[in-house]
Amino acid sequence: MREASVQPMQAGNSGDEGRVFMETISREELKGKIDRGEAFTLVETLQPVAYQHEHLPSAINLPPDRVREMAPGLLPDKGAEIIVYCSSPT
């Protein structure tokens, strides 16, 4: 897994309602969320072949070239915390 993952944050009260903001988190922060059993959706962005080879426990696969097609079904709760990561297939 790369050093950073991404998660959406709530929009502020400055006219940003409806917009999604990204925040980078470290591996240690992600591990802490997993260890504490926090509720979030973990998304792996590699192609399905690489995902089948190896991925983090509970991660769902959402390849970048299929986001528009698959995201509505895999990520229906627009208010949920989503953490996205991409690891190297090697």
N, C-alpha and C. Protein backbone atom coordinates (compact mmCIF):
# COMPACT_ATOMS: atom_id res chain seq x y z
N MET A 1 0.85 -1.16 0.00
CA MET A 1 0.00 0.00 0.00
C MET A 1 0.90 1.23 0.00
N ARG A 2 0.54 2.24 -0.74
CA ARG A 2 1.29 3.48 -0.76
C ARG A 2 1.16 4.19 0.57
N GLU A 3 1.97 5.21 0.77
CA GLU A 3 2.00 5.92 2.03
C GLU A 3 0.67 6.58 2.38
N ALA A 4 -0.12 6.97 1.39
CA ALA A 4 -1.33 7.72 1.70
C ALA A 4 -2.57 7.08 1.10
N SER A 5 -3.67 7.30 1.74
CA SER A 5 -4.98 6.92 1.25
C SER A 5 -5.83 8.18 1.26
N VAL A 6 -7.03 8.10 0.69
CA VAL A 6 -7.86 9.28 0.58
C VAL A 6 -9.24 8.99 1.14
N GLN A 7 -9.81 9.98 1.80
CA GLN A 7 -11.16 9.84 2.33
C GLN A 7 -11.92 11.14 2.12
N PRO A 8 -13.23 11.09 1.91
CA PRO A 8 -14.01 12.32 1.79
C PRO A 8 -14.26 12.94 3.15
N MET A 9 -14.40 14.25 3.17
CA MET A 9 -14.72 14.98 4.39
C MET A 9 -16.03 15.72 4.18
N GLN A 10 -16.70 16.06 5.24
CA GLN A 10 -17.95 16.81 5.16
C GLN A 10 -17.67 18.20 4.62
N ALA A 11 -18.61 18.72 3.82
CA ALA A 11 -18.51 20.08 3.31
C ALA A 11 -18.74 21.06 4.45
N GLY A 12 -18.10 22.20 4.36
CA GLY A 12 -18.25 23.24 5.39
C GLY A 12 -19.48 24.10 5.14
N ASN A 13 -19.62 25.13 5.91
CA ASN A 13 -20.76 26.03 5.79
C ASN A 13 -20.47 27.25 4.93
N SER A 14 -19.47 27.19 4.11
CA SER A 14 -19.07 28.35 3.31
C SER A 14 -19.53 28.22 1.87
N GLY A 15 -20.72 27.66 1.66
CA GLY A 15 -21.22 27.52 0.31
C GLY A 15 -20.69 26.30 -0.41
N ASP A 16 -20.05 25.39 0.32
CA ASP A 16 -19.45 24.20 -0.28
C ASP A 16 -20.35 22.98 -0.20
N GLU A 17 -21.61 23.13 0.21
CA GLU A 17 -22.50 22.00 0.37
C GLU A 17 -22.57 21.19 -0.93
N GLY A 18 -22.56 19.89 -0.79
CA GLY A 18 -22.63 19.02 -1.95
C GLY A 18 -21.29 18.69 -2.57
N ARG A 19 -20.25 19.38 -2.17
CA ARG A 19 -18.92 19.10 -2.72
C ARG A 19 -18.22 18.09 -1.83
N VAL A 20 -17.33 17.32 -2.40
CA VAL A 20 -16.56 16.32 -1.65
C VAL A 20 -15.13 16.81 -1.55
N PHE A 21 -14.59 16.76 -0.35
CA PHE A 21 -13.23 17.17 -0.11
C PHE A 21 -12.40 15.94 0.24
N MET A 22 -11.15 15.95 -0.14
CA MET A 22 -10.28 14.81 0.11
C MET A 22 -9.24 15.16 1.16
N GLU A 23 -8.90 14.16 1.93
CA GLU A 23 -7.88 14.29 2.95
C GLU A 23 -6.97 13.08 2.83
N THR A 24 -5.69 13.29 2.95
CA THR A 24 -4.73 12.19 2.90
C THR A 24 -4.50 11.66 4.31
N ILE A 25 -4.48 10.33 4.44
CA ILE A 25 -4.17 9.73 5.73
C ILE A 25 -2.98 8.78 5.55
N SER A 26 -2.30 8.51 6.63
CA SER A 26 -1.12 7.64 6.59
C SER A 26 -1.53 6.17 6.77
N ARG A 27 -0.61 5.30 6.52
CA ARG A 27 -0.84 3.86 6.77
C ARG A 27 -1.21 3.62 8.22
N GLU A 28 -0.49 4.32 9.12
CA GLU A 28 -0.72 4.13 10.54
C GLU A 28 -2.13 4.57 10.92
N GLU A 29 -2.60 5.68 10.35
CA GLU A 29 -3.96 6.14 10.63
C GLU A 29 -4.99 5.13 10.11
N LEU A 30 -4.75 4.60 8.92
CA LEU A 30 -5.66 3.59 8.37
C LEU A 30 -5.67 2.35 9.25
N LYS A 31 -4.49 1.90 9.65
CA LYS A 31 -4.41 0.72 10.52
C LYS A 31 -5.16 0.97 11.83
N GLY A 32 -5.03 2.17 12.38
CA GLY A 32 -5.74 2.51 13.61
C GLY A 32 -7.25 2.44 13.43
N LYS A 33 -7.75 2.94 12.32
CA LYS A 33 -9.19 2.88 12.04
C LYS A 33 -9.65 1.43 11.95
N ILE A 34 -8.86 0.60 11.29
CA ILE A 34 -9.20 -0.83 11.16
C ILE A 34 -9.18 -1.49 12.54
N ASP A 35 -8.10 -1.24 13.31
CA ASP A 35 -7.96 -1.85 14.63
C ASP A 35 -9.09 -1.44 15.59
N ARG A 36 -9.55 -0.19 15.46
CA ARG A 36 -10.63 0.30 16.33
C ARG A 36 -12.01 -0.12 15.84
N GLY A 37 -12.08 -0.74 14.67
CA GLY A 37 -13.36 -1.18 14.13
C GLY A 37 -14.24 -0.03 13.65
N GLU A 38 -13.62 1.07 13.24
CA GLU A 38 -14.40 2.22 12.76
C GLU A 38 -15.13 1.86 11.48
N ALA A 39 -16.27 2.49 11.28
CA ALA A 39 -17.09 2.23 10.10
C ALA A 39 -16.61 3.09 8.93
N PHE A 40 -16.19 2.44 7.86
CA PHE A 40 -15.82 3.10 6.62
C PHE A 40 -15.77 2.05 5.53
N THR A 41 -15.78 2.50 4.30
CA THR A 41 -15.66 1.58 3.16
C THR A 41 -14.26 1.70 2.61
N LEU A 42 -13.58 0.57 2.48
CA LEU A 42 -12.22 0.53 1.96
C LEU A 42 -12.27 0.10 0.51
N VAL A 43 -11.70 0.92 -0.38
CA VAL A 43 -11.76 0.68 -1.81
C VAL A 43 -10.35 0.51 -2.38
N GLU A 44 -10.12 -0.60 -3.06
CA GLU A 44 -8.86 -0.90 -3.76
C GLU A 44 -9.07 -0.54 -5.22
N THR A 45 -8.15 0.22 -5.81
CA THR A 45 -8.36 0.73 -7.16
C THR A 45 -7.57 0.02 -8.26
N LEU A 46 -6.99 -1.10 -7.98
CA LEU A 46 -6.29 -1.84 -9.04
C LEU A 46 -7.27 -2.62 -9.92
N GLN A 47 -6.78 -3.11 -11.02
CA GLN A 47 -7.59 -3.94 -11.91
C GLN A 47 -7.96 -5.24 -11.19
N PRO A 48 -9.06 -5.89 -11.58
CA PRO A 48 -9.54 -7.10 -10.89
C PRO A 48 -8.50 -8.21 -10.74
N VAL A 49 -7.66 -8.41 -11.73
CA VAL A 49 -6.65 -9.48 -11.64
C VAL A 49 -5.70 -9.21 -10.47
N ALA A 50 -5.26 -7.96 -10.33
CA ALA A 50 -4.36 -7.61 -9.23
C ALA A 50 -5.10 -7.70 -7.90
N TYR A 51 -6.36 -7.28 -7.86
CA TYR A 51 -7.17 -7.35 -6.65
C TYR A 51 -7.31 -8.80 -6.19
N GLN A 52 -7.58 -9.71 -7.13
CA GLN A 52 -7.73 -11.12 -6.79
C GLN A 52 -6.45 -11.70 -6.22
N HIS A 53 -5.32 -11.18 -6.69
CA HIS A 53 -4.02 -11.67 -6.21
C HIS A 53 -3.79 -11.29 -4.75
N GLU A 54 -4.11 -10.01 -4.40
CA GLU A 54 -3.88 -9.56 -3.03
C GLU A 54 -4.57 -8.23 -2.80
N HIS A 55 -5.21 -8.09 -1.64
CA HIS A 55 -5.82 -6.83 -1.23
C HIS A 55 -6.01 -6.85 0.29
N LEU A 56 -6.26 -5.68 0.85
CA LEU A 56 -6.49 -5.59 2.29
C LEU A 56 -7.82 -6.25 2.64
N PRO A 57 -7.92 -6.83 3.83
CA PRO A 57 -9.18 -7.45 4.25
C PRO A 57 -10.32 -6.45 4.20
N SER A 58 -11.44 -6.87 3.73
CA SER A 58 -12.70 -6.12 3.60
C SER A 58 -12.70 -5.07 2.49
N ALA A 59 -11.61 -4.94 1.75
CA ALA A 59 -11.57 -3.96 0.65
C ALA A 59 -12.44 -4.44 -0.51
N ILE A 60 -13.12 -3.48 -1.14
CA ILE A 60 -13.86 -3.80 -2.35
C ILE A 60 -13.06 -3.29 -3.54
N ASN A 61 -13.25 -3.90 -4.68
CA ASN A 61 -12.49 -3.54 -5.88
C ASN A 61 -13.29 -2.58 -6.74
N LEU A 62 -12.67 -1.45 -7.09
CA LEU A 62 -13.28 -0.45 -7.95
C LEU A 62 -12.20 0.09 -8.89
N PRO A 63 -11.97 -0.60 -10.02
CA PRO A 63 -10.93 -0.16 -10.95
C PRO A 63 -11.23 1.24 -11.49
N PRO A 64 -10.21 2.08 -11.67
CA PRO A 64 -10.42 3.45 -12.14
C PRO A 64 -11.20 3.56 -13.45
N ASP A 65 -11.03 2.61 -14.34
CA ASP A 65 -11.72 2.69 -15.62
C ASP A 65 -13.18 2.23 -15.55
N ARG A 66 -13.65 1.83 -14.36
CA ARG A 66 -15.04 1.37 -14.21
C ARG A 66 -15.79 2.12 -13.10
N VAL A 67 -15.24 3.24 -12.63
CA VAL A 67 -15.84 3.98 -11.53
C VAL A 67 -17.26 4.41 -11.86
N ARG A 68 -17.49 5.03 -13.01
CA ARG A 68 -18.84 5.51 -13.35
C ARG A 68 -19.85 4.36 -13.41
N GLU A 69 -19.40 3.23 -13.86
CA GLU A 69 -20.28 2.06 -14.00
C GLU A 69 -20.56 1.39 -12.66
N MET A 70 -19.53 1.19 -11.85
CA MET A 70 -19.65 0.38 -10.65
C MET A 70 -19.93 1.15 -9.35
N ALA A 71 -19.48 2.39 -9.26
CA ALA A 71 -19.58 3.13 -7.99
C ALA A 71 -21.01 3.25 -7.47
N PRO A 72 -22.01 3.55 -8.30
CA PRO A 72 -23.36 3.67 -7.74
C PRO A 72 -23.84 2.42 -7.01
N GLY A 73 -23.48 1.25 -7.49
CA GLY A 73 -23.88 0.01 -6.84
C GLY A 73 -23.02 -0.35 -5.64
N LEU A 74 -21.73 -0.05 -5.72
CA LEU A 74 -20.81 -0.42 -4.64
C LEU A 74 -20.77 0.61 -3.52
N LEU A 75 -21.04 1.87 -3.86
CA LEU A 75 -20.93 2.97 -2.89
C LEU A 75 -22.22 3.80 -2.88
N PRO A 76 -23.34 3.19 -2.50
CA PRO A 76 -24.62 3.90 -2.59
C PRO A 76 -24.80 5.01 -1.56
N ASP A 77 -24.14 4.93 -0.40
CA ASP A 77 -24.30 5.93 0.66
C ASP A 77 -23.34 7.08 0.43
N LYS A 78 -23.84 8.18 -0.12
CA LYS A 78 -23.00 9.32 -0.45
C LYS A 78 -22.43 10.03 0.77
N GLY A 79 -22.96 9.75 1.95
CA GLY A 79 -22.45 10.35 3.17
C GLY A 79 -21.44 9.49 3.91
N ALA A 80 -21.20 8.29 3.42
CA ALA A 80 -20.30 7.36 4.11
C ALA A 80 -18.85 7.77 3.93
N GLU A 81 -18.04 7.42 4.90
CA GLU A 81 -16.61 7.64 4.78
C GLU A 81 -16.03 6.56 3.86
N ILE A 82 -15.27 6.98 2.87
CA ILE A 82 -14.67 6.06 1.91
C ILE A 82 -13.18 6.31 1.90
N ILE A 83 -12.42 5.25 2.07
CA ILE A 83 -10.96 5.34 2.00
C ILE A 83 -10.52 4.56 0.78
N VAL A 84 -9.78 5.21 -0.09
CA VAL A 84 -9.34 4.63 -1.35
C VAL A 84 -7.84 4.41 -1.29
N TYR A 85 -7.40 3.24 -1.74
CA TYR A 85 -5.96 2.99 -1.81
C TYR A 85 -5.65 2.23 -3.08
N CYS A 86 -4.40 2.32 -3.45
CA CYS A 86 -3.89 1.58 -4.61
C CYS A 86 -2.54 1.01 -4.22
N SER A 87 -2.37 -0.27 -4.36
CA SER A 87 -1.09 -0.88 -4.04
C SER A 87 -0.44 -1.39 -5.31
N SER A 88 0.80 -1.64 -5.23
CA SER A 88 1.55 -2.13 -6.38
C SER A 88 1.29 -3.62 -6.56
N PRO A 89 1.08 -4.07 -7.81
CA PRO A 89 0.84 -5.50 -8.02
C PRO A 89 2.10 -6.33 -7.87
N THR A 90 3.25 -5.72 -7.66
CA THR A 90 4.50 -6.47 -7.50
C THR A 90 4.91 -6.55 -6.07
